[in-house]
């Protein structure tokens, strides 16, 4: 969501806030006459695009960090370790029984 307005017919600096969920970024937009000290009108547009791209990248990074912080711990490592331990114990018991039966036959 974008809040704030920019009057492109009136020189000045305007504040725009981009909000995506709980992440927000504020940008300053400067409107000047064409051919003014800021260069041609296209150069300021490029700067605005860079600012918007940077703020979008920042928002995405913050959103990923927030998501990673809020995820529950699933205990996948514990489950894998339990299964591995159970397999080792089962294998050991099976080998013991096999050797015991083999000794009885001889």
PDB file of N, CA and C in Angstrom:
ATOM      1  N   UNK A   1       0.844  -1.164   0.000  1.00  0.00           N
ATOM      2  CA  UNK A   1       0.000   0.000   0.000  1.00  0.00           C
ATOM      3  C   UNK A   1       0.892   1.230   0.000  1.00  0.00           C
ATOM      4  N   UNK A   2       0.524   2.216  -0.747  1.00  0.00           N
ATOM      5  CA  UNK A   2       1.286   3.449  -0.858  1.00  0.00           C
ATOM      6  C   UNK A   2       0.457   4.568  -0.272  1.00  0.00           C
ATOM      7  N   UNK A   3       1.075   5.355   0.630  1.00  0.00           N
ATOM      8  CA  UNK A   3       0.368   6.514   1.177  1.00  0.00           C
ATOM      9  C   UNK A   3       1.201   7.768   0.938  1.00  0.00           C
ATOM     10  N   UNK A   4       0.521   8.854   0.700  1.00  0.00           N
ATOM     11  CA  UNK A   4       1.187  10.114   0.394  1.00  0.00           C
ATOM     12  C   UNK A   4       0.887  10.482  -1.046  1.00  0.00           C
ATOM     13  N   UNK A   5       0.996  11.762  -1.351  1.00  0.00           N
ATOM     14  CA  UNK A   5       0.717  12.214  -2.711  1.00  0.00           C
ATOM     15  C   UNK A   5       1.860  13.073  -3.205  1.00  0.00           C
ATOM     16  N   UNK A   6       2.002  13.121  -4.518  1.00  0.00           N
ATOM     17  CA  UNK A   6       3.021  13.939  -5.162  1.00  0.00           C
ATOM     18  C   UNK A   6       2.334  14.756  -6.248  1.00  0.00           C
ATOM     19  N   UNK A   7       2.494  16.072  -6.167  1.00  0.00           N
ATOM     20  CA  UNK A   7       1.969  16.957  -7.199  1.00  0.00           C
ATOM     21  C   UNK A   7       3.115  17.239  -8.161  1.00  0.00           C
ATOM     22  N   UNK A   8       3.091  16.620  -9.320  1.00  0.00           N
ATOM     23  CA  UNK A   8       4.194  16.760 -10.267  1.00  0.00           C
ATOM     24  C   UNK A   8       4.232  18.132 -10.937  1.00  0.00           C
ATOM     25  N   UNK A   9       3.194  18.932 -10.739  1.00  0.00           N
ATOM     26  CA  UNK A   9       3.162  20.280 -11.304  1.00  0.00           C
ATOM     27  C   UNK A   9       3.722  21.324 -10.348  1.00  0.00           C
ATOM     28  N   UNK A  10       3.983  20.942  -9.121  1.00  0.00           N
ATOM     29  CA  UNK A  10       4.458  21.882  -8.107  1.00  0.00           C
ATOM     30  C   UNK A  10       5.798  21.396  -7.555  1.00  0.00           C
ATOM     31  N   UNK A  11       6.808  22.284  -7.569  1.00  0.00           N
ATOM     32  CA  UNK A  11       8.126  21.921  -7.050  1.00  0.00           C
ATOM     33  C   UNK A  11       8.053  21.693  -5.544  1.00  0.00           C
ATOM     34  N   UNK A  12       8.874  20.777  -5.079  1.00  0.00           N
ATOM     35  CA  UNK A  12       8.930  20.520  -3.645  1.00  0.00           C
ATOM     36  C   UNK A  12       9.373  19.097  -3.347  1.00  0.00           C
ATOM     37  N   UNK A  13       9.441  18.810  -2.062  1.00  0.00           N
ATOM     38  CA  UNK A  13       9.814  17.472  -1.606  1.00  0.00           C
ATOM     39  C   UNK A  13       8.600  16.849  -0.939  1.00  0.00           C
ATOM     40  N   UNK A  14       8.280  15.628  -1.338  1.00  0.00           N
ATOM     41  CA  UNK A  14       7.103  14.932  -0.840  1.00  0.00           C
ATOM     42  C   UNK A  14       7.525  13.621  -0.176  1.00  0.00           C
ATOM     43  N   UNK A  15       6.813  13.248   0.857  1.00  0.00           N
ATOM     44  CA  UNK A  15       7.096  11.997   1.563  1.00  0.00           C
ATOM     45  C   UNK A  15       6.066  10.950   1.159  1.00  0.00           C
ATOM     46  N   UNK A  16       6.575   9.786   0.734  1.00  0.00           N
ATOM     47  CA  UNK A  16       5.730   8.665   0.334  1.00  0.00           C
ATOM     48  C   UNK A  16       6.089   7.484   1.228  1.00  0.00           C
ATOM     49  N   UNK A  17       5.089   6.793   1.716  1.00  0.00           N
ATOM     50  CA  UNK A  17       5.320   5.620   2.562  1.00  0.00           C
ATOM     51  C   UNK A  17       4.763   4.383   1.866  1.00  0.00           C
ATOM     52  N   UNK A  18       5.625   3.388   1.700  1.00  0.00           N
ATOM     53  CA  UNK A  18       5.243   2.092   1.123  1.00  0.00           C
ATOM     54  C   UNK A  18       5.072   1.120   2.278  1.00  0.00           C
ATOM     55  N   UNK A  19       3.930   0.444   2.351  1.00  0.00           N
ATOM     56  CA  UNK A  19       3.656  -0.496   3.441  1.00  0.00           C
ATOM     57  C   UNK A  19       3.260  -1.839   2.856  1.00  0.00           C
ATOM     58  N   UNK A  20       3.863  -2.911   3.399  1.00  0.00           N
ATOM     59  CA  UNK A  20       3.537  -4.278   2.998  1.00  0.00           C
ATOM     60  C   UNK A  20       3.457  -5.104   4.273  1.00  0.00           C
ATOM     61  N   UNK A  21       2.259  -5.321   4.760  1.00  0.00           N
ATOM     62  CA  UNK A  21       2.099  -6.047   6.022  1.00  0.00           C
ATOM     63  C   UNK A  21       2.633  -5.205   7.166  1.00  0.00           C
ATOM     64  N   UNK A  22       3.573  -5.761   7.925  1.00  0.00           N
ATOM     65  CA  UNK A  22       4.146  -5.025   9.055  1.00  0.00           C
ATOM     66  C   UNK A  22       5.413  -4.285   8.669  1.00  0.00           C
ATOM     67  N   UNK A  23       5.814  -4.348   7.400  1.00  0.00           N
ATOM     68  CA  UNK A  23       7.033  -3.697   6.933  1.00  0.00           C
ATOM     69  C   UNK A  23       6.658  -2.437   6.177  1.00  0.00           C
ATOM     70  N   UNK A  24       7.346  -1.343   6.497  1.00  0.00           N
ATOM     71  CA  UNK A  24       7.089  -0.111   5.762  1.00  0.00           C
ATOM     72  C   UNK A  24       8.409   0.607   5.494  1.00  0.00           C
ATOM     73  N   UNK A  25       8.406   1.381   4.428  1.00  0.00           N
ATOM     74  CA  UNK A  25       9.589   2.127   4.015  1.00  0.00           C
ATOM     75  C   UNK A  25       9.124   3.500   3.567  1.00  0.00           C
ATOM     76  N   UNK A  26       9.860   4.524   3.961  1.00  0.00           N
ATOM     77  CA  UNK A  26       9.507   5.893   3.608  1.00  0.00           C
ATOM     78  C   UNK A  26      10.521   6.416   2.598  1.00  0.00           C
ATOM     79  N   UNK A  27      10.032   7.088   1.556  1.00  0.00           N
ATOM     80  CA  UNK A  27      10.893   7.677   0.533  1.00  0.00           C
ATOM     81  C   UNK A  27      10.574   9.154   0.382  1.00  0.00           C
ATOM     82  N   UNK A  28      11.603   9.921   0.046  1.00  0.00           N
ATOM     83  CA  UNK A  28      11.436  11.336  -0.240  1.00  0.00           C
ATOM     84  C   UNK A  28      11.466  11.504  -1.752  1.00  0.00           C
ATOM     85  N   UNK A  29      10.446  12.146  -2.298  1.00  0.00           N
ATOM     86  CA  UNK A  29      10.359  12.406  -3.738  1.00  0.00           C
ATOM     87  C   UNK A  29      10.508  13.907  -3.931  1.00  0.00           C
ATOM     88  N   UNK A  30      11.464  14.286  -4.791  1.00  0.00           N
ATOM     89  CA  UNK A  30      11.700  15.696  -5.067  1.00  0.00           C
ATOM     90  C   UNK A  30      11.227  16.018  -6.474  1.00  0.00           C
ATOM     91  N   UNK A  31      10.386  17.027  -6.571  1.00  0.00           N
ATOM     92  CA  UNK A  31       9.885  17.478  -7.873  1.00  0.00           C
ATOM     93  C   UNK A  31      10.578  18.794  -8.186  1.00  0.00           C
ATOM     94  N   UNK A  32      11.205  18.850  -9.372  1.00  0.00           N
ATOM     95  CA  UNK A  32      11.872  20.085  -9.792  1.00  0.00           C
ATOM     96  C   UNK A  32      11.529  20.368 -11.245  1.00  0.00           C
ATOM     97  N   UNK A  33      11.845  21.584 -11.701  1.00  0.00           N
ATOM     98  CA  UNK A  33      11.586  21.953 -13.090  1.00  0.00           C
ATOM     99  C   UNK A  33      12.518  21.160 -13.995  1.00  0.00           C
ATOM    100  N   UNK A  34      12.043  20.898 -15.203  1.00  0.00           N
ATOM    101  CA  UNK A  34      12.915  20.231 -16.177  1.00  0.00           C
ATOM    102  C   UNK A  34      14.074  21.157 -16.499  1.00  0.00           C
ATOM    103  N   UNK A  35      15.284  20.546 -16.616  1.00  0.00           N
ATOM    104  CA  UNK A  35      16.464  21.335 -16.933  1.00  0.00           C
ATOM    105  C   UNK A  35      17.036  22.044 -15.711  1.00  0.00           C
ATOM    106  N   UNK A  36      16.473  21.813 -14.536  1.00  0.00           N
ATOM    107  CA  UNK A  36      16.994  22.438 -13.323  1.00  0.00           C
ATOM    108  C   UNK A  36      18.283  21.737 -12.912  1.00  0.00           C
ATOM    109  N   UNK A  37      18.840  22.113 -11.776  1.00  0.00           N
ATOM    110  CA  UNK A  37      20.120  21.580 -11.301  1.00  0.00           C
ATOM    111  C   UNK A  37      20.112  20.062 -11.189  1.00  0.00           C
ATOM    112  N   UNK A  38      18.955  19.465 -11.031  1.00  0.00           N
ATOM    113  CA  UNK A  38      18.868  18.014 -10.910  1.00  0.00           C
ATOM    114  C   UNK A  38      19.097  17.291 -12.220  1.00  0.00           C
ATOM    115  N   UNK A  39      19.259  18.024 -13.322  1.00  0.00           N
ATOM    116  CA  UNK A  39      19.461  17.390 -14.620  1.00  0.00           C
ATOM    117  C   UNK A  39      18.145  17.322 -15.356  1.00  0.00           C
ATOM    118  N   UNK A  40      18.082  16.462 -16.363  1.00  0.00           N
ATOM    119  CA  UNK A  40      16.837  16.364 -17.114  1.00  0.00           C
ATOM    120  C   UNK A  40      15.797  15.597 -16.302  1.00  0.00           C
ATOM    121  N   UNK A  41      14.563  15.665 -16.726  1.00  0.00           N
ATOM    122  CA  UNK A  41      13.485  15.019 -15.995  1.00  0.00           C
ATOM    123  C   UNK A  41      13.667  13.517 -15.906  1.00  0.00           C
ATOM    124  N   UNK A  42      14.343  12.928 -16.887  1.00  0.00           N
ATOM    125  CA  UNK A  42      14.536  11.489 -16.918  1.00  0.00           C
ATOM    126  C   UNK A  42      15.492  11.032 -15.811  1.00  0.00           C
ATOM    127  N   UNK A  43      16.506  11.866 -15.492  1.00  0.00           N
ATOM    128  CA  UNK A  43      17.472  11.482 -14.460  1.00  0.00           C
ATOM    129  C   UNK A  43      16.796  11.358 -13.108  1.00  0.00           C
ATOM    130  N   UNK A  44      15.903  12.281 -12.775  1.00  0.00           N
ATOM    131  CA  UNK A  44      15.222  12.174 -11.484  1.00  0.00           C
ATOM    132  C   UNK A  44      14.313  10.952 -11.462  1.00  0.00           C
ATOM    133  N   UNK A  45      13.747  10.599 -12.608  1.00  0.00           N
ATOM    134  CA  UNK A  45      12.933   9.385 -12.697  1.00  0.00           C
ATOM    135  C   UNK A  45      13.773   8.154 -12.433  1.00  0.00           C
ATOM    136  N   UNK A  46      15.016   8.142 -12.962  1.00  0.00           N
ATOM    137  CA  UNK A  46      15.918   7.021 -12.704  1.00  0.00           C
ATOM    138  C   UNK A  46      16.238   6.924 -11.227  1.00  0.00           C
ATOM    139  N   UNK A  47      16.481   8.072 -10.583  1.00  0.00           N
ATOM    140  CA  UNK A  47      16.766   8.068  -9.143  1.00  0.00           C
ATOM    141  C   UNK A  47      15.580   7.535  -8.355  1.00  0.00           C
ATOM    142  N   UNK A  48      14.378   7.941  -8.772  1.00  0.00           N
ATOM    143  CA  UNK A  48      13.182   7.454  -8.084  1.00  0.00           C
ATOM    144  C   UNK A  48      13.041   5.957  -8.256  1.00  0.00           C
ATOM    145  N   UNK A  49      13.336   5.451  -9.456  1.00  0.00           N
ATOM    146  CA  UNK A  49      13.258   4.015  -9.697  1.00  0.00           C
ATOM    147  C   UNK A  49      14.271   3.273  -8.836  1.00  0.00           C
ATOM    148  N   UNK A  50      15.486   3.826  -8.717  1.00  0.00           N
ATOM    149  CA  UNK A  50      16.513   3.200  -7.881  1.00  0.00           C
ATOM    150  C   UNK A  50      16.075   3.185  -6.419  1.00  0.00           C
ATOM    151  N   UNK A  51      15.521   4.313  -5.953  1.00  0.00           N
ATOM    152  CA  UNK A  51      15.044   4.375  -4.577  1.00  0.00           C
ATOM    153  C   UNK A  51      13.939   3.365  -4.340  1.00  0.00           C
ATOM    154  N   UNK A  52      13.023   3.274  -5.313  1.00  0.00           N
ATOM    155  CA  UNK A  52      11.915   2.335  -5.167  1.00  0.00           C
ATOM    156  C   UNK A  52      12.433   0.905  -5.199  1.00  0.00           C
ATOM    157  N   UNK A  53      13.395   0.617  -6.071  1.00  0.00           N
ATOM    158  CA  UNK A  53      13.967  -0.731  -6.139  1.00  0.00           C
ATOM    159  C   UNK A  53      14.681  -1.063  -4.833  1.00  0.00           C
ATOM    160  N   UNK A  54      15.423  -0.089  -4.294  1.00  0.00           N
ATOM    161  CA  UNK A  54      16.120  -0.312  -3.026  1.00  0.00           C
ATOM    162  C   UNK A  54      15.134  -0.523  -1.889  1.00  0.00           C
ATOM    163  N   UNK A  55      14.062   0.278  -1.860  1.00  0.00           N
ATOM    164  CA  UNK A  55      13.095   0.123  -0.782  1.00  0.00           C
ATOM    165  C   UNK A  55      12.354  -1.203  -0.916  1.00  0.00           C
ATOM    166  N   UNK A  56      12.093  -1.632  -2.144  1.00  0.00           N
ATOM    167  CA  UNK A  56      11.420  -2.919  -2.360  1.00  0.00           C
ATOM    168  C   UNK A  56      12.320  -4.054  -1.896  1.00  0.00           C
ATOM    169  N   UNK A  57      13.601  -3.983  -2.240  1.00  0.00           N
ATOM    170  CA  UNK A  57      14.551  -5.018  -1.812  1.00  0.00           C
ATOM    171  C   UNK A  57      14.664  -5.029  -0.291  1.00  0.00           C
ATOM    172  N   UNK A  58      14.678  -3.851   0.308  1.00  0.00           N
ATOM    173  CA  UNK A  58      14.754  -3.763   1.767  1.00  0.00           C
ATOM    174  C   UNK A  58      13.507  -4.361   2.397  1.00  0.00           C
ATOM    175  N   UNK A  59      12.346  -4.071   1.829  1.00  0.00           N
ATOM    176  CA  UNK A  59      11.096  -4.624   2.353  1.00  0.00           C
ATOM    177  C   UNK A  59      11.094  -6.142   2.264  1.00  0.00           C
ATOM    178  N   UNK A  60      11.548  -6.678   1.139  1.00  0.00           N
ATOM    179  CA  UNK A  60      11.581  -8.130   0.975  1.00  0.00           C
ATOM    180  C   UNK A  60      12.532  -8.768   1.973  1.00  0.00           C
ATOM    181  N   UNK A  61      13.673  -8.155   2.177  1.00  0.00           N
ATOM    182  CA  UNK A  61      14.653  -8.686   3.126  1.00  0.00           C
ATOM    183  C   UNK A  61      14.095  -8.669   4.543  1.00  0.00           C
ATOM    184  N   UNK A  62      13.460  -7.564   4.918  1.00  0.00           N
ATOM    185  CA  UNK A  62      12.871  -7.475   6.256  1.00  0.00           C
ATOM    186  C   UNK A  62      11.744  -8.479   6.429  1.00  0.00           C
ATOM    187  N   UNK A  63      10.939  -8.671   5.390  1.00  0.00           N
ATOM    188  CA  UNK A  63       9.841  -9.634   5.455  1.00  0.00           C
ATOM    189  C   UNK A  63      10.384 -11.042   5.635  1.00  0.00           C
ATOM    190  N   UNK A  64      11.472 -11.385   4.943  1.00  0.00           N
ATOM    191  CA  UNK A  64      12.079 -12.704   5.092  1.00  0.00           C
ATOM    192  C   UNK A  64      12.633 -12.884   6.493  1.00  0.00           C
ATOM    193  N   UNK A  65      13.271 -11.835   7.036  1.00  0.00           N
ATOM    194  CA  UNK A  65      13.810 -11.923   8.387  1.00  0.00           C
ATOM    195  C   UNK A  65      12.683 -12.116   9.398  1.00  0.00           C
ATOM    196  N   UNK A  66      11.591 -11.364   9.236  1.00  0.00           N
ATOM    197  CA  UNK A  66      10.459 -11.494  10.148  1.00  0.00           C
ATOM    198  C   UNK A  66       9.839 -12.881  10.055  1.00  0.00           C
ATOM    199  N   UNK A  67       9.724 -13.408   8.848  1.00  0.00           N
ATOM    200  CA  UNK A  67       9.148 -14.740   8.659  1.00  0.00           C
ATOM    201  C   UNK A  67      10.023 -15.777   9.326  1.00  0.00           C
ATOM    202  N   UNK A  68      11.330 -15.661   9.156  1.00  0.00           N
ATOM    203  CA  UNK A  68      12.254 -16.632   9.750  1.00  0.00           C
ATOM    204  C   UNK A  68      12.181 -16.574  11.273  1.00  0.00           C
ATOM    205  N   UNK A  69      12.002 -15.397  11.826  1.00  0.00           N
ATOM    206  CA  UNK A  69      11.921 -15.257  13.286  1.00  0.00           C
ATOM    207  C   UNK A  69      10.623 -15.837  13.833  1.00  0.00           C
ATOM    208  N   UNK A  70       9.555 -15.766  13.056  1.00  0.00           N
ATOM    209  CA  UNK A  70       8.237 -16.178  13.543  1.00  0.00           C
ATOM    210  C   UNK A  70       7.911 -17.642  13.294  1.00  0.00           C
ATOM    211  N   UNK A  71       8.750 -18.366  12.560  1.00  0.00           N
ATOM    212  CA  UNK A  71       8.447 -19.761  12.275  1.00  0.00           C
ATOM    213  C   UNK A  71       8.639 -20.628  13.517  1.00  0.00           C
ATOM    214  N   UNK A  72       7.770 -21.604  13.726  1.00  0.00           N
ATOM    215  CA  UNK A  72       7.915 -22.490  14.887  1.00  0.00           C
ATOM    216  C   UNK A  72       9.041 -23.485  14.660  1.00  0.00           C
ATOM    217  N   UNK A  73       9.599 -23.962  15.756  1.00  0.00           N
ATOM    218  CA  UNK A  73      10.626 -24.993  15.677  1.00  0.00           C
ATOM    219  C   UNK A  73       9.914 -26.328  15.528  1.00  0.00           C
ATOM    220  N   UNK A  74      10.288 -27.072  14.497  1.00  0.00           N
ATOM    221  CA  UNK A  74       9.575 -28.309  14.191  1.00  0.00           C
ATOM    222  C   UNK A  74      10.222 -29.544  14.786  1.00  0.00           C
ATOM    223  N   UNK A  75      11.476 -29.481  15.182  1.00  0.00           N
ATOM    224  CA  UNK A  75      12.148 -30.632  15.767  1.00  0.00           C
ATOM    225  C   UNK A  75      12.516 -31.689  14.752  1.00  0.00           C
ATOM    226  N   UNK A  76      12.729 -31.301  13.502  1.00  0.00           N
ATOM    227  CA  UNK A  76      13.070 -32.261  12.469  1.00  0.00           C
ATOM    228  C   UNK A  76      14.371 -32.974  12.775  1.00  0.00           C
ATOM    229  N   UNK A  77      15.335 -32.284  13.334  1.00  0.00           N
ATOM    230  CA  UNK A  77      16.601 -32.911  13.664  1.00  0.00           C
ATOM    231  C   UNK A  77      16.419 -33.979  14.734  1.00  0.00           C
ATOM    232  N   UNK A  78      15.576 -33.718  15.703  1.00  0.00           N
ATOM    233  CA  UNK A  78      15.321 -34.700  16.747  1.00  0.00           C
ATOM    234  C   UNK A  78      14.645 -35.933  16.158  1.00  0.00           C
ATOM    235  N   UNK A  79      13.711 -35.759  15.254  1.00  0.00           N
ATOM    236  CA  UNK A  79      13.018 -36.886  14.635  1.00  0.00           C
ATOM    237  C   UNK A  79      13.994 -37.740  13.838  1.00  0.00           C
ATOM    238  N   UNK A  80      14.873 -37.113  13.090  1.00  0.00           N
ATOM    239  CA  UNK A  80      15.849 -37.841  12.286  1.00  0.00           C
ATOM    240  C   UNK A  80      16.803 -38.610  13.187  1.00  0.00           C
ATOM    241  N   UNK A  81      17.231 -38.007  14.266  1.00  0.00           N
ATOM    242  CA  UNK A  81      18.144 -38.667  15.193  1.00  0.00           C
ATOM    243  C   UNK A  81      17.450 -39.848  15.866  1.00  0.00           C
ATOM    244  N   UNK A  82      16.195 -39.712  16.190  1.00  0.00           N
ATOM    245  CA  UNK A  82      15.442 -40.801  16.819  1.00  0.00           C
ATOM    246  C   UNK A  82      15.324 -41.988  15.877  1.00  0.00           C
ATOM    247  N   UNK A  83      15.019 -41.729  14.629  1.00  0.00           N
ATOM    248  CA  UNK A  83      14.881 -42.802  13.642  1.00  0.00           C
ATOM    249  C   UNK A  83      16.218 -43.489  13.425  1.00  0.00           C
ATOM    250  N   UNK A  84      17.290 -42.725  13.336  1.00  0.00           N
ATOM    251  CA  UNK A  84      18.618 -43.301  13.158  1.00  0.00           C
ATOM    252  C   UNK A  84      18.997 -44.159  14.358  1.00  0.00           C
ATOM    253  N   UNK A  85      18.746 -43.671  15.546  1.00  0.00           N
ATOM    254  CA  UNK A  85      19.040 -44.435  16.760  1.00  0.00           C
ATOM    255  C   UNK A  85      18.232 -45.730  16.816  1.00  0.00           C
ATOM    256  N   UNK A  86      16.971 -45.652  16.474  1.00  0.00           N
ATOM    257  CA  UNK A  86      16.115 -46.836  16.469  1.00  0.00           C
ATOM    258  C   UNK A  86      16.608 -47.858  15.443  1.00  0.00           C
ATOM    259  N   UNK A  87      17.049 -47.394  14.282  1.00  0.00           N
ATOM    260  CA  UNK A  87      17.574 -48.298  13.254  1.00  0.00           C
ATOM    261  C   UNK A  87      18.847 -48.992  13.734  1.00  0.00           C
ATOM    262  N   UNK A  88      19.719 -48.266  14.408  1.00  0.00           N
ATOM    263  CA  UNK A  88      20.969 -48.866  14.919  1.00  0.00           C
ATOM    264  C   UNK A  88      20.655 -49.909  15.979  1.00  0.00           C
ATOM    265  N   UNK A  89      19.766 -49.598  16.897  1.00  0.00           N
ATOM    266  CA  UNK A  89      19.398 -50.550  17.948  1.00  0.00           C
ATOM    267  C   UNK A  89      18.746 -51.783  17.340  1.00  0.00           C
ATOM    268  N   UNK A  90      17.848 -51.588  16.381  1.00  0.00           N
ATOM    269  CA  UNK A  90      17.188 -52.719  15.727  1.00  0.00           C
ATOM    270  C   UNK A  90      18.197 -53.595  14.989  1.00  0.00           C
ATOM    271  N   UNK A  91      19.118 -52.973  14.294  1.00  0.00           N
ATOM    272  CA  UNK A  91      20.159 -53.713  13.587  1.00  0.00           C
ATOM    273  C   UNK A  91      21.036 -54.517  14.530  1.00  0.00           C
ATOM    274  N   UNK A  92      21.377 -53.933  15.673  1.00  0.00           N
ATOM    275  CA  UNK A  92      22.196 -54.628  16.664  1.00  0.00           C
ATOM    276  C   UNK A  92      21.452 -55.836  17.231  1.00  0.00           C
ATOM    277  N   UNK A  93      20.185 -55.679  17.544  1.00  0.00           N
ATOM    278  CA  UNK A  93      19.379 -56.788  18.073  1.00  0.00           C
ATOM    279  C   UNK A  93      19.237 -57.892  17.020  1.00  0.00           C
ATOM    280  N   UNK A  94      19.000 -57.507  15.771  1.00  0.00           N
ATOM    281  CA  UNK A  94      18.864 -58.496  14.695  1.00  0.00           C
ATOM    282  C   UNK A  94      20.172 -59.258  14.503  1.00  0.00           C
ATOM    283  N   UNK A  95      21.307 -58.592  14.557  1.00  0.00           N
ATOM    284  CA  UNK A  95      22.604 -59.266  14.418  1.00  0.00           C
ATOM    285  C   UNK A  95      22.844 -60.212  15.586  1.00  0.00           C
ATOM    286  N   UNK A  96      22.471 -59.834  16.786  1.00  0.00           N
ATOM    287  CA  UNK A  96      22.635 -60.677  17.976  1.00  0.00           C
ATOM    288  C   UNK A  96      21.803 -61.958  17.838  1.00  0.00           C
ATOM    289  N   UNK A  97      20.545 -61.786  17.437  1.00  0.00           N
ATOM    290  CA  UNK A  97      19.662 -62.953  17.275  1.00  0.00           C
ATOM    291  C   UNK A  97      20.187 -63.860  16.161  1.00  0.00           C
ATOM    292  N   UNK A  98      20.633 -63.297  15.063  1.00  0.00           N
ATOM    293  CA  UNK A  98      21.160 -64.088  13.955  1.00  0.00           C
ATOM    294  C   UNK A  98      22.370 -64.913  14.406  1.00  0.00           C
ATOM    295  N   UNK A  99      23.289 -64.265  15.130  1.00  0.00           N
ATOM    296  CA  UNK A  99      24.490 -64.986  15.617  1.00  0.00           C
ATOM    297  C   UNK A  99      24.113 -66.062  16.612  1.00  0.00           C
ATOM    298  N   UNK A 100      23.147 -65.811  17.456  1.00  0.00           N
ATOM    299  CA  UNK A 100      22.703 -66.788  18.463  1.00  0.00           C
ATOM    300  C   UNK A 100      22.124 -68.023  17.768  1.00  0.00           C
ATOM    301  N   UNK A 101      21.266 -67.816  16.750  1.00  0.00           N
ATOM    302  CA  UNK A 101      20.683 -68.946  16.022  1.00  0.00           C
ATOM    303  C   UNK A 101      21.760 -69.730  15.269  1.00  0.00           C
ATOM    304  N   UNK A 102      22.736 -69.019  14.724  1.00  0.00           N
ATOM    305  CA  UNK A 102      23.812 -69.656  13.967  1.00  0.00           C
ATOM    306  C   UNK A 102      24.638 -70.571  14.875  1.00  0.00           C
ATOM    307  N   UNK A 103      24.872 -70.136  16.106  1.00  0.00           N
ATOM    308  CA  UNK A 103      25.660 -70.932  17.062  1.00  0.00           C
ATOM    309  C   UNK A 103      24.881 -72.181  17.492  1.00  0.00           C
ATOM    310  N   UNK A 104      23.582 -72.113  17.591  1.00  0.00           N
ATOM    311  CA  UNK A 104      22.773 -73.259  17.998  1.00  0.00           C
ATOM    312  C   UNK A 104      22.834 -74.374  16.962  1.00  0.00           C
ATOM    313  N   UNK A 105      22.878 -74.013  15.675  1.00  0.00           N
ATOM    314  CA  UNK A 105      22.884 -74.991  14.613  1.00  0.00           C
ATOM    315  C   UNK A 105      24.224 -75.726  14.558  1.00  0.00           C
ATOM    316  N   UNK A 106      25.267 -75.130  14.980  1.00  0.00           N
ATOM    317  CA  UNK A 106      26.564 -75.803  14.912  1.00  0.00           C
ATOM    318  C   UNK A 106      26.965 -76.485  16.170  1.00  0.00           C
TER     319      UNK A 106
END
